[in-house]
């Protein structure tokens, strides 16, 4: 039986490969390499708060195994979220990594514009390969829709690699539409900003 619940810090090691799989090339570039990204995520996911904290993820479990996750952001995230994100960067990145992250931050902001007051942004939607194709992602997305409606949001937004055909096919079934296409020169990737008006979801 599939169960959705808030992520727990003790699940950090299980969440790291899921988060990394949501944007492997980009995360490897941001943190220097895949190995460096894994090392950072292991520490950041175990933090009490912040963008990568397990507590900021909704996890899907089956037979007590973590099989998928998703996270959400909005325009009014609490101070603890921002502080936790900054603390993760300060504590777990080397000076060279911090310099790199700071230097590419303008590119990342252009690539992933923050959600407006009417939007709920979802990220890190990832399902273990051996549990794909059985509706797990749809259950997580249904959860996000419910959260967005409870918060009186009008749009769901997300960003996806243009070459991620499986993800694009999934979002197309949900009737997301493309709002923006942005080129990221360092990894030679195009990312699509997809939007879904909540009034179009049954």
N, C-alpha and C. Protein backbone atom coordinates (compact mmCIF):
# COMPACT_ATOMS: atom_id res chain seq x y z
N UNK A 1 0.84 -1.20 0.00
CA UNK A 1 0.00 0.00 0.00
C UNK A 1 0.87 1.25 0.00
N UNK A 2 0.55 2.19 -0.89
CA UNK A 2 1.33 3.42 -1.00
C UNK A 2 0.85 4.44 0.03
N UNK A 3 1.80 5.01 0.75
CA UNK A 3 1.50 6.00 1.78
C UNK A 3 2.30 7.27 1.52
N UNK A 4 1.66 8.43 1.64
CA UNK A 4 2.34 9.72 1.51
C UNK A 4 2.47 10.34 2.89
N UNK A 5 3.65 10.87 3.19
CA UNK A 5 3.85 11.53 4.47
C UNK A 5 5.03 12.48 4.38
N UNK A 6 5.19 13.29 5.40
CA UNK A 6 6.32 14.21 5.45
C UNK A 6 7.62 13.42 5.59
N UNK A 7 8.64 13.87 4.88
CA UNK A 7 9.94 13.22 4.98
C UNK A 7 10.53 13.38 6.37
N UNK A 8 11.36 12.43 6.74
CA UNK A 8 12.03 12.43 8.04
C UNK A 8 13.53 12.51 7.85
N UNK A 9 14.21 13.15 8.78
CA UNK A 9 15.66 13.34 8.66
C UNK A 9 16.38 11.99 8.58
N UNK A 10 15.83 10.99 9.22
CA UNK A 10 16.45 9.66 9.20
C UNK A 10 16.41 9.03 7.81
N UNK A 11 15.62 9.61 6.90
CA UNK A 11 15.50 9.08 5.54
C UNK A 11 16.45 9.76 4.56
N UNK A 12 17.38 10.54 5.08
CA UNK A 12 18.26 11.33 4.21
C UNK A 12 18.96 10.47 3.16
N UNK A 13 19.55 9.35 3.58
CA UNK A 13 20.30 8.52 2.63
C UNK A 13 19.40 7.96 1.53
N UNK A 14 18.12 7.77 1.84
CA UNK A 14 17.19 7.24 0.85
C UNK A 14 16.70 8.32 -0.11
N UNK A 15 16.68 9.58 0.38
CA UNK A 15 16.20 10.68 -0.46
C UNK A 15 17.26 11.21 -1.40
N UNK A 16 18.53 11.10 -1.03
CA UNK A 16 19.60 11.67 -1.85
C UNK A 16 19.56 11.18 -3.29
N UNK A 17 19.51 9.86 -3.56
CA UNK A 17 19.49 9.44 -4.97
C UNK A 17 18.24 9.89 -5.71
N UNK A 18 17.12 10.04 -5.00
CA UNK A 18 15.90 10.52 -5.65
C UNK A 18 16.05 11.98 -6.06
N UNK A 19 16.55 12.81 -5.15
CA UNK A 19 16.73 14.23 -5.45
C UNK A 19 17.74 14.41 -6.58
N UNK A 20 18.84 13.67 -6.49
CA UNK A 20 19.87 13.77 -7.52
C UNK A 20 19.33 13.36 -8.88
N UNK A 21 18.46 12.35 -8.91
CA UNK A 21 17.90 11.89 -10.18
C UNK A 21 16.95 12.90 -10.81
N UNK A 22 16.45 13.86 -10.02
CA UNK A 22 15.53 14.84 -10.57
C UNK A 22 16.22 15.85 -11.48
N UNK A 23 17.53 16.03 -11.32
CA UNK A 23 18.28 16.96 -12.18
C UNK A 23 19.77 16.61 -12.11
N UNK A 24 20.16 15.43 -12.58
CA UNK A 24 21.54 14.95 -12.37
C UNK A 24 22.63 15.83 -12.98
N UNK A 25 22.45 16.25 -14.23
CA UNK A 25 23.49 17.06 -14.88
C UNK A 25 23.62 18.43 -14.19
N UNK A 26 22.49 19.05 -13.91
CA UNK A 26 22.52 20.38 -13.32
C UNK A 26 23.13 20.36 -11.92
N UNK A 27 22.71 19.42 -11.08
CA UNK A 27 23.23 19.35 -9.72
C UNK A 27 24.73 19.03 -9.71
N UNK A 28 25.15 18.17 -10.63
CA UNK A 28 26.58 17.86 -10.73
C UNK A 28 27.37 19.11 -11.11
N UNK A 29 26.82 19.92 -12.01
CA UNK A 29 27.51 21.16 -12.40
C UNK A 29 27.53 22.16 -11.25
N UNK A 30 26.41 22.34 -10.58
CA UNK A 30 26.34 23.32 -9.49
C UNK A 30 27.35 23.02 -8.40
N UNK A 31 27.47 21.75 -8.03
CA UNK A 31 28.31 21.40 -6.89
C UNK A 31 29.69 20.86 -7.28
N UNK A 32 29.97 20.77 -8.58
CA UNK A 32 31.31 20.42 -9.02
C UNK A 32 31.43 19.07 -9.69
N UNK A 33 30.67 18.10 -9.21
CA UNK A 33 30.67 16.76 -9.78
C UNK A 33 29.50 15.99 -9.16
N UNK A 34 29.20 14.84 -9.73
CA UNK A 34 28.13 14.02 -9.15
C UNK A 34 28.50 13.61 -7.73
N UNK A 35 29.75 13.25 -7.51
CA UNK A 35 30.20 12.85 -6.17
C UNK A 35 30.06 13.99 -5.18
N UNK A 36 30.44 15.20 -5.60
CA UNK A 36 30.32 16.37 -4.72
C UNK A 36 28.86 16.69 -4.45
N UNK A 37 28.00 16.54 -5.46
CA UNK A 37 26.57 16.78 -5.27
C UNK A 37 25.99 15.80 -4.26
N UNK A 38 26.39 14.53 -4.36
CA UNK A 38 25.93 13.52 -3.41
C UNK A 38 26.38 13.85 -1.99
N UNK A 39 27.62 14.27 -1.85
CA UNK A 39 28.14 14.60 -0.52
C UNK A 39 27.39 15.77 0.09
N UNK A 40 27.15 16.81 -0.72
CA UNK A 40 26.40 17.95 -0.22
C UNK A 40 24.99 17.55 0.16
N UNK A 41 24.33 16.80 -0.69
CA UNK A 41 22.94 16.42 -0.44
C UNK A 41 22.81 15.55 0.81
N UNK A 42 23.74 14.66 1.04
CA UNK A 42 23.68 13.80 2.23
C UNK A 42 23.64 14.66 3.50
N UNK A 43 24.41 15.73 3.49
CA UNK A 43 24.43 16.62 4.65
C UNK A 43 23.21 17.52 4.68
N UNK A 44 22.86 18.11 3.53
CA UNK A 44 21.77 19.09 3.48
C UNK A 44 20.41 18.46 3.71
N UNK A 45 20.21 17.25 3.21
CA UNK A 45 18.93 16.57 3.40
C UNK A 45 18.70 16.23 4.87
N UNK A 46 19.78 16.02 5.61
CA UNK A 46 19.68 15.69 7.03
C UNK A 46 19.55 16.93 7.92
N UNK A 47 19.61 18.13 7.31
CA UNK A 47 19.41 19.37 8.06
C UNK A 47 17.95 19.51 8.49
N UNK A 48 17.73 20.20 9.61
CA UNK A 48 16.38 20.37 10.13
C UNK A 48 15.48 21.15 9.17
N UNK A 49 16.06 22.08 8.40
CA UNK A 49 15.25 22.87 7.47
C UNK A 49 16.12 23.28 6.29
N UNK A 50 15.48 23.89 5.30
CA UNK A 50 16.19 24.33 4.11
C UNK A 50 15.63 23.67 2.87
N UNK A 51 16.08 24.13 1.71
CA UNK A 51 15.55 23.68 0.43
C UNK A 51 15.65 22.17 0.24
N UNK A 52 16.72 21.58 0.74
CA UNK A 52 16.94 20.15 0.51
C UNK A 52 16.57 19.28 1.71
N UNK A 53 16.16 19.88 2.81
CA UNK A 53 15.84 19.11 4.01
C UNK A 53 14.77 18.05 3.73
N UNK A 54 14.96 16.88 4.33
CA UNK A 54 13.95 15.82 4.20
C UNK A 54 12.59 16.30 4.68
N UNK A 55 12.58 17.18 5.68
CA UNK A 55 11.32 17.66 6.24
C UNK A 55 10.57 18.56 5.26
N UNK A 56 11.23 19.05 4.22
CA UNK A 56 10.58 19.86 3.19
C UNK A 56 10.14 19.03 2.00
N UNK A 57 10.17 17.72 2.16
CA UNK A 57 9.74 16.82 1.09
C UNK A 57 8.56 15.98 1.55
N UNK A 58 7.71 15.65 0.58
CA UNK A 58 6.67 14.66 0.81
C UNK A 58 7.20 13.37 0.20
N UNK A 59 7.18 12.30 0.96
CA UNK A 59 7.72 11.05 0.45
C UNK A 59 6.60 10.04 0.27
N UNK A 60 6.76 9.19 -0.72
CA UNK A 60 5.86 8.07 -0.94
C UNK A 60 6.57 6.82 -0.45
N UNK A 61 5.92 6.07 0.41
CA UNK A 61 6.50 4.83 0.91
C UNK A 61 5.60 3.66 0.55
N UNK A 62 6.23 2.54 0.30
CA UNK A 62 5.50 1.30 0.03
C UNK A 62 6.22 0.18 0.80
N UNK A 63 5.49 -0.50 1.64
CA UNK A 63 6.09 -1.54 2.49
C UNK A 63 7.27 -0.96 3.28
N UNK A 64 7.07 0.27 3.75
CA UNK A 64 8.05 0.97 4.58
C UNK A 64 9.31 1.38 3.81
N UNK A 65 9.29 1.26 2.50
CA UNK A 65 10.41 1.72 1.68
C UNK A 65 10.07 3.07 1.06
N UNK A 66 11.04 4.00 1.04
CA UNK A 66 10.85 5.27 0.36
C UNK A 66 11.04 5.04 -1.13
N UNK A 67 9.98 5.32 -1.91
CA UNK A 67 10.04 5.03 -3.35
C UNK A 67 9.94 6.28 -4.22
N UNK A 68 9.59 7.43 -3.62
CA UNK A 68 9.44 8.65 -4.42
C UNK A 68 9.38 9.86 -3.50
N UNK A 69 9.55 11.03 -4.09
CA UNK A 69 9.47 12.26 -3.28
C UNK A 69 9.08 13.44 -4.17
N UNK A 70 8.67 14.52 -3.51
CA UNK A 70 8.39 15.79 -4.17
C UNK A 70 8.55 16.89 -3.13
N UNK A 71 8.87 18.08 -3.57
CA UNK A 71 8.94 19.23 -2.67
C UNK A 71 8.17 20.39 -3.29
N UNK A 72 7.77 21.35 -2.46
CA UNK A 72 7.05 22.51 -2.96
C UNK A 72 7.63 23.79 -2.36
N UNK A 73 7.56 24.87 -3.15
CA UNK A 73 7.99 26.19 -2.72
C UNK A 73 6.91 27.21 -3.09
N UNK A 74 6.86 28.27 -2.35
CA UNK A 74 5.96 29.37 -2.69
C UNK A 74 6.63 30.69 -2.32
N UNK A 75 5.95 31.78 -2.60
CA UNK A 75 6.56 33.11 -2.44
C UNK A 75 6.78 33.51 -0.99
N UNK A 76 6.10 32.86 -0.06
CA UNK A 76 6.18 33.25 1.35
C UNK A 76 6.74 32.12 2.22
N UNK A 77 7.83 31.53 1.78
CA UNK A 77 8.45 30.49 2.60
C UNK A 77 8.95 31.11 3.91
N UNK A 78 8.87 30.36 5.01
CA UNK A 78 9.25 30.92 6.31
C UNK A 78 10.74 31.22 6.42
N UNK A 79 11.07 32.04 7.37
CA UNK A 79 12.47 32.41 7.61
C UNK A 79 13.33 31.17 7.83
N UNK A 80 12.79 30.19 8.53
CA UNK A 80 13.55 28.97 8.83
C UNK A 80 14.00 28.24 7.57
N UNK A 81 13.14 28.29 6.54
CA UNK A 81 13.49 27.66 5.27
C UNK A 81 14.70 28.34 4.65
N UNK A 82 14.65 29.67 4.58
CA UNK A 82 15.76 30.42 3.98
C UNK A 82 17.03 30.29 4.80
N UNK A 83 16.90 30.38 6.12
CA UNK A 83 18.07 30.24 6.99
C UNK A 83 18.70 28.85 6.84
N UNK A 84 17.84 27.84 6.79
CA UNK A 84 18.35 26.48 6.65
C UNK A 84 19.08 26.27 5.33
N UNK A 85 18.57 26.87 4.27
CA UNK A 85 19.23 26.77 2.96
C UNK A 85 20.60 27.43 2.99
N UNK A 86 20.67 28.64 3.55
CA UNK A 86 21.94 29.35 3.63
C UNK A 86 22.93 28.63 4.54
N UNK A 87 22.43 28.08 5.65
CA UNK A 87 23.31 27.35 6.56
C UNK A 87 23.89 26.11 5.90
N UNK A 88 23.08 25.43 5.09
CA UNK A 88 23.57 24.26 4.37
C UNK A 88 24.72 24.64 3.45
N UNK A 89 24.54 25.73 2.71
CA UNK A 89 25.59 26.17 1.79
C UNK A 89 26.85 26.55 2.55
N UNK A 90 26.69 27.29 3.65
CA UNK A 90 27.84 27.75 4.41
C UNK A 90 28.57 26.60 5.10
N UNK A 91 27.83 25.61 5.56
CA UNK A 91 28.43 24.53 6.36
C UNK A 91 29.02 23.41 5.51
N UNK A 92 28.41 23.15 4.36
CA UNK A 92 28.76 21.93 3.65
C UNK A 92 29.43 22.13 2.31
N UNK A 93 29.69 23.38 1.93
CA UNK A 93 30.42 23.65 0.70
C UNK A 93 31.80 24.20 1.02
N UNK A 94 32.77 23.84 0.21
CA UNK A 94 34.12 24.39 0.36
C UNK A 94 34.12 25.83 -0.13
N UNK A 95 35.14 26.62 0.21
CA UNK A 95 35.22 28.00 -0.31
C UNK A 95 35.16 28.05 -1.84
N UNK A 96 35.81 27.11 -2.51
CA UNK A 96 35.79 27.10 -3.97
C UNK A 96 34.38 26.79 -4.49
N UNK A 97 33.69 25.87 -3.85
CA UNK A 97 32.32 25.56 -4.25
C UNK A 97 31.39 26.74 -4.01
N UNK A 98 31.56 27.42 -2.89
CA UNK A 98 30.72 28.58 -2.59
C UNK A 98 30.94 29.68 -3.62
N UNK A 99 32.20 29.91 -3.98
CA UNK A 99 32.51 30.93 -4.99
C UNK A 99 31.84 30.58 -6.32
N UNK A 100 31.88 29.30 -6.67
CA UNK A 100 31.25 28.84 -7.92
C UNK A 100 29.74 29.05 -7.87
N UNK A 101 29.10 28.65 -6.77
CA UNK A 101 27.65 28.79 -6.64
C UNK A 101 27.25 30.26 -6.72
N UNK A 102 27.98 31.12 -6.05
CA UNK A 102 27.68 32.55 -6.07
C UNK A 102 27.82 33.10 -7.49
N UNK A 103 28.85 32.65 -8.21
CA UNK A 103 29.11 33.19 -9.55
C UNK A 103 28.02 32.79 -10.55
N UNK A 104 27.41 31.61 -10.36
CA UNK A 104 26.38 31.17 -11.32
C UNK A 104 24.97 31.49 -10.84
N UNK A 105 24.85 32.08 -9.66
CA UNK A 105 23.52 32.34 -9.13
C UNK A 105 22.64 33.18 -10.07
N UNK A 106 23.18 34.25 -10.71
CA UNK A 106 22.32 35.00 -11.64
C UNK A 106 21.77 34.13 -12.77
N UNK A 107 22.58 33.19 -13.27
CA UNK A 107 22.10 32.28 -14.31
C UNK A 107 20.99 31.38 -13.79
N UNK A 108 21.15 30.92 -12.55
CA UNK A 108 20.15 30.03 -11.97
C UNK A 108 18.83 30.75 -11.70
N UNK A 109 18.91 32.02 -11.28
CA UNK A 109 17.69 32.79 -11.03
C UNK A 109 16.94 33.02 -12.33
N UNK A 110 17.69 33.27 -13.42
CA UNK A 110 17.06 33.45 -14.72
C UNK A 110 16.46 32.13 -15.21
N UNK A 111 17.16 31.03 -14.91
CA UNK A 111 16.70 29.71 -15.34
C UNK A 111 15.47 29.27 -14.57
N UNK A 112 15.47 29.52 -13.26
CA UNK A 112 14.38 29.09 -12.38
C UNK A 112 13.82 30.28 -11.62
N UNK A 113 13.01 31.11 -12.26
CA UNK A 113 12.46 32.27 -11.56
C UNK A 113 11.60 31.83 -10.38
N UNK A 114 11.69 32.54 -9.26
CA UNK A 114 10.92 32.13 -8.08
C UNK A 114 9.42 32.27 -8.32
N UNK A 115 8.62 31.48 -7.62
CA UNK A 115 7.16 31.55 -7.81
C UNK A 115 6.60 32.89 -7.38
N UNK A 116 5.58 33.35 -8.09
CA UNK A 116 4.87 34.57 -7.71
C UNK A 116 3.85 34.23 -6.61
N UNK A 117 3.16 35.24 -6.15
CA UNK A 117 2.19 35.04 -5.06
C UNK A 117 1.07 34.09 -5.45
N UNK A 118 0.77 33.98 -6.74
CA UNK A 118 -0.34 33.13 -7.18
C UNK A 118 0.11 31.73 -7.58
N UNK A 119 1.40 31.44 -7.45
CA UNK A 119 1.95 30.18 -7.94
C UNK A 119 2.46 29.29 -6.81
N UNK A 120 2.37 28.00 -7.02
CA UNK A 120 3.04 27.02 -6.17
C UNK A 120 4.00 26.25 -7.07
N UNK A 121 5.26 26.23 -6.68
CA UNK A 121 6.29 25.59 -7.50
C UNK A 121 6.62 24.22 -6.91
N UNK A 122 6.66 23.22 -7.76
CA UNK A 122 7.05 21.90 -7.29
C UNK A 122 8.39 21.51 -7.88
N UNK A 123 9.14 20.75 -7.11
CA UNK A 123 10.45 20.31 -7.56
C UNK A 123 10.81 18.97 -6.96
N UNK A 124 11.95 18.44 -7.42
CA UNK A 124 12.47 17.16 -6.90
C UNK A 124 11.46 16.03 -7.03
N UNK A 125 10.53 16.13 -7.99
CA UNK A 125 9.60 15.03 -8.20
C UNK A 125 10.36 13.87 -8.82
N UNK A 126 10.48 12.79 -8.07
CA UNK A 126 11.34 11.69 -8.50
C UNK A 126 10.79 10.38 -7.97
N UNK A 127 10.80 9.37 -8.83
CA UNK A 127 10.30 8.04 -8.46
C UNK A 127 11.38 7.01 -8.76
N UNK A 128 11.61 6.12 -7.82
CA UNK A 128 12.58 5.05 -8.03
C UNK A 128 12.24 4.29 -9.30
N UNK A 129 13.25 3.94 -10.12
CA UNK A 129 12.98 3.27 -11.40
C UNK A 129 12.11 2.03 -11.27
N UNK A 130 12.29 1.25 -10.20
CA UNK A 130 11.52 0.01 -10.07
C UNK A 130 10.09 0.24 -9.60
N UNK A 131 9.72 1.51 -9.37
CA UNK A 131 8.34 1.84 -8.99
C UNK A 131 7.68 2.80 -9.97
N UNK A 132 8.31 3.01 -11.11
CA UNK A 132 7.74 3.90 -12.12
C UNK A 132 6.66 3.18 -12.93
N UNK A 133 5.70 3.96 -13.42
CA UNK A 133 4.67 3.40 -14.26
C UNK A 133 3.49 2.77 -13.54
N UNK A 134 3.40 2.98 -12.21
CA UNK A 134 2.29 2.39 -11.46
C UNK A 134 1.46 3.47 -10.73
N UNK A 135 1.64 4.73 -11.14
CA UNK A 135 0.81 5.80 -10.60
C UNK A 135 1.36 6.54 -9.40
N UNK A 136 2.61 6.27 -9.02
CA UNK A 136 3.17 6.93 -7.84
C UNK A 136 3.31 8.43 -8.07
N UNK A 137 3.84 8.83 -9.23
CA UNK A 137 4.03 10.25 -9.52
C UNK A 137 2.69 10.99 -9.54
N UNK A 138 1.65 10.34 -10.05
CA UNK A 138 0.33 10.97 -10.09
C UNK A 138 -0.22 11.21 -8.68
N UNK A 139 0.04 10.27 -7.78
CA UNK A 139 -0.41 10.47 -6.40
C UNK A 139 0.32 11.64 -5.75
N UNK A 140 1.61 11.78 -6.02
CA UNK A 140 2.35 12.92 -5.48
C UNK A 140 1.85 14.23 -6.09
N UNK A 141 1.59 14.23 -7.39
CA UNK A 141 1.12 15.45 -8.02
C UNK A 141 -0.29 15.81 -7.53
N UNK A 142 -1.12 14.82 -7.29
CA UNK A 142 -2.46 15.08 -6.73
C UNK A 142 -2.33 15.73 -5.36
N UNK A 143 -1.37 15.27 -4.58
CA UNK A 143 -1.10 15.89 -3.27
C UNK A 143 -0.73 17.37 -3.45
N UNK A 144 0.15 17.66 -4.41
CA UNK A 144 0.58 19.04 -4.65
C UNK A 144 -0.61 19.90 -5.06
N UNK A 145 -1.48 19.37 -5.91
CA UNK A 145 -2.69 20.10 -6.31
C UNK A 145 -3.54 20.44 -5.09
N UNK A 146 -3.73 19.48 -4.20
CA UNK A 146 -4.52 19.74 -2.99
C UNK A 146 -3.88 20.82 -2.14
N UNK A 147 -2.57 20.77 -2.00
CA UNK A 147 -1.87 21.79 -1.22
C UNK A 147 -2.03 23.16 -1.85
N UNK A 148 -1.91 23.23 -3.17
CA UNK A 148 -2.04 24.50 -3.87
C UNK A 148 -3.42 25.10 -3.66
N UNK A 149 -4.44 24.27 -3.73
CA UNK A 149 -5.81 24.76 -3.54
C UNK A 149 -6.03 25.22 -2.10
N UNK A 150 -5.49 24.51 -1.14
CA UNK A 150 -5.62 24.92 0.25
C UNK A 150 -4.95 26.27 0.49
N UNK A 151 -3.91 26.56 -0.30
CA UNK A 151 -3.18 27.82 -0.16
C UNK A 151 -3.75 28.90 -1.08
N UNK A 152 -4.83 28.60 -1.78
CA UNK A 152 -5.49 29.54 -2.70
C UNK A 152 -4.57 29.99 -3.83
N UNK A 153 -3.75 29.08 -4.32
CA UNK A 153 -2.92 29.37 -5.47
C UNK A 153 -3.71 29.17 -6.77
N UNK A 154 -3.24 29.79 -7.82
CA UNK A 154 -3.92 29.69 -9.11
C UNK A 154 -3.18 28.80 -10.11
N UNK A 155 -1.87 28.70 -9.95
CA UNK A 155 -1.05 27.96 -10.91
C UNK A 155 -0.06 27.05 -10.20
N UNK A 156 0.18 25.87 -10.79
CA UNK A 156 1.33 25.06 -10.44
C UNK A 156 2.41 25.36 -11.48
N UNK A 157 3.64 25.48 -11.03
CA UNK A 157 4.75 25.70 -11.96
C UNK A 157 5.87 24.72 -11.63
N UNK A 158 6.63 24.37 -12.67
CA UNK A 158 7.78 23.49 -12.47
C UNK A 158 8.74 23.69 -13.63
N UNK A 159 9.95 23.20 -13.46
CA UNK A 159 10.97 23.30 -14.50
C UNK A 159 11.49 21.91 -14.80
N UNK A 160 11.69 21.63 -16.08
CA UNK A 160 12.11 20.29 -16.50
C UNK A 160 13.07 20.39 -17.68
N UNK A 161 14.04 19.51 -17.71
CA UNK A 161 14.98 19.40 -18.82
C UNK A 161 14.20 19.02 -20.09
N UNK A 162 14.43 19.75 -21.15
CA UNK A 162 13.73 19.51 -22.41
C UNK A 162 13.94 18.09 -22.94
N UNK A 163 15.05 17.47 -22.57
CA UNK A 163 15.36 16.12 -23.05
C UNK A 163 14.79 15.02 -22.15
N UNK A 164 14.13 15.38 -21.08
CA UNK A 164 13.55 14.39 -20.18
C UNK A 164 12.18 13.98 -20.73
N UNK A 165 12.20 13.09 -21.71
CA UNK A 165 10.98 12.74 -22.43
C UNK A 165 9.93 12.08 -21.54
N UNK A 166 10.37 11.25 -20.62
CA UNK A 166 9.42 10.56 -19.74
C UNK A 166 8.68 11.57 -18.87
N UNK A 167 9.41 12.53 -18.32
CA UNK A 167 8.78 13.55 -17.48
C UNK A 167 7.83 14.41 -18.29
N UNK A 168 8.26 14.81 -19.48
CA UNK A 168 7.41 15.65 -20.31
C UNK A 168 6.12 14.93 -20.71
N UNK A 169 6.22 13.64 -20.99
CA UNK A 169 5.02 12.87 -21.34
C UNK A 169 4.06 12.81 -20.15
N UNK A 170 4.62 12.66 -18.96
CA UNK A 170 3.80 12.62 -17.75
C UNK A 170 3.09 13.96 -17.53
N UNK A 171 3.83 15.06 -17.64
CA UNK A 171 3.22 16.37 -17.42
C UNK A 171 2.22 16.73 -18.52
N UNK A 172 2.46 16.24 -19.71
CA UNK A 172 1.51 16.48 -20.80
C UNK A 172 0.16 15.83 -20.49
N UNK A 173 0.19 14.66 -19.88
CA UNK A 173 -1.06 13.98 -19.50
C UNK A 173 -1.85 14.80 -18.48
N UNK A 174 -1.13 15.57 -17.68
CA UNK A 174 -1.78 16.44 -16.69
C UNK A 174 -2.15 17.80 -17.28
N UNK A 175 -1.82 18.01 -18.55
CA UNK A 175 -2.17 19.24 -19.28
C UNK A 175 -1.37 20.46 -18.85
N UNK A 176 -0.14 20.23 -18.38
CA UNK A 176 0.77 21.35 -18.20
C UNK A 176 1.07 21.94 -19.58
N UNK A 177 1.33 23.24 -19.61
CA UNK A 177 1.70 23.89 -20.87
C UNK A 177 3.01 24.65 -20.69
N UNK A 178 3.74 24.80 -21.77
CA UNK A 178 5.03 25.48 -21.72
C UNK A 178 4.85 26.99 -21.63
N UNK A 179 5.52 27.60 -20.65
CA UNK A 179 5.46 29.05 -20.50
C UNK A 179 6.78 29.72 -20.87
N UNK A 180 7.87 28.96 -20.81
CA UNK A 180 9.18 29.56 -21.05
C UNK A 180 10.17 28.46 -21.40
N UNK A 181 11.12 28.79 -22.27
CA UNK A 181 12.20 27.87 -22.65
C UNK A 181 13.51 28.63 -22.49
N UNK A 182 14.40 28.10 -21.64
CA UNK A 182 15.63 28.83 -21.33
C UNK A 182 16.84 27.92 -21.54
N UNK A 183 17.84 28.48 -22.20
CA UNK A 183 19.09 27.75 -22.45
C UNK A 183 20.05 27.99 -21.30
N UNK A 184 20.69 26.91 -20.83
CA UNK A 184 21.68 27.01 -19.75
C UNK A 184 23.03 26.61 -20.33
N UNK A 185 23.85 27.59 -20.74
CA UNK A 185 25.09 27.30 -21.46
C UNK A 185 26.06 26.34 -20.75
N UNK A 186 26.25 26.45 -19.43
CA UNK A 186 27.26 25.59 -18.81
C UNK A 186 27.03 24.10 -19.03
N UNK A 187 25.79 23.65 -19.07
CA UNK A 187 25.51 22.22 -19.29
C UNK A 187 24.89 21.96 -20.67
N UNK A 188 24.74 23.01 -21.45
CA UNK A 188 24.16 22.92 -22.80
C UNK A 188 22.79 22.26 -22.76
N UNK A 189 22.00 22.66 -21.77
CA UNK A 189 20.64 22.14 -21.63
C UNK A 189 19.61 23.24 -21.85
N UNK A 190 18.46 22.85 -22.36
CA UNK A 190 17.30 23.73 -22.38
C UNK A 190 16.34 23.26 -21.29
N UNK A 191 15.85 24.22 -20.50
CA UNK A 191 14.87 23.90 -19.46
C UNK A 191 13.55 24.57 -19.81
N UNK A 192 12.48 23.83 -19.59
CA UNK A 192 11.14 24.35 -19.85
C UNK A 192 10.46 24.68 -18.54
N UNK A 193 9.87 25.88 -18.47
CA UNK A 193 8.99 26.22 -17.35
C UNK A 193 7.58 25.83 -17.78
N UNK A 194 7.00 24.88 -17.05
CA UNK A 194 5.66 24.40 -17.34
C UNK A 194 4.69 24.93 -16.30
N UNK A 195 3.47 25.22 -16.73
CA UNK A 195 2.46 25.76 -15.82
C UNK A 195 1.16 24.97 -15.98
N UNK A 196 0.42 24.88 -14.88
CA UNK A 196 -0.87 24.21 -14.89
C UNK A 196 -1.87 25.05 -14.13
N UNK A 197 -2.84 25.67 -14.82
CA UNK A 197 -3.90 26.41 -14.10
C UNK A 197 -4.72 25.45 -13.27
N UNK A 198 -4.89 25.76 -12.01
CA UNK A 198 -5.60 24.84 -11.11
C UNK A 198 -7.08 24.73 -11.46
N UNK A 199 -7.62 25.77 -12.09
CA UNK A 199 -9.05 25.68 -12.45
C UNK A 199 -9.30 24.72 -13.60
N UNK A 200 -8.21 24.21 -14.20
CA UNK A 200 -8.35 23.25 -15.30
C UNK A 200 -8.22 21.81 -14.81
N UNK A 201 -7.92 21.65 -13.51
CA UNK A 201 -7.72 20.32 -12.96
C UNK A 201 -9.02 19.84 -12.31
N UNK A 202 -9.50 18.67 -12.73
CA UNK A 202 -10.75 18.14 -12.20
C UNK A 202 -10.64 17.63 -10.78
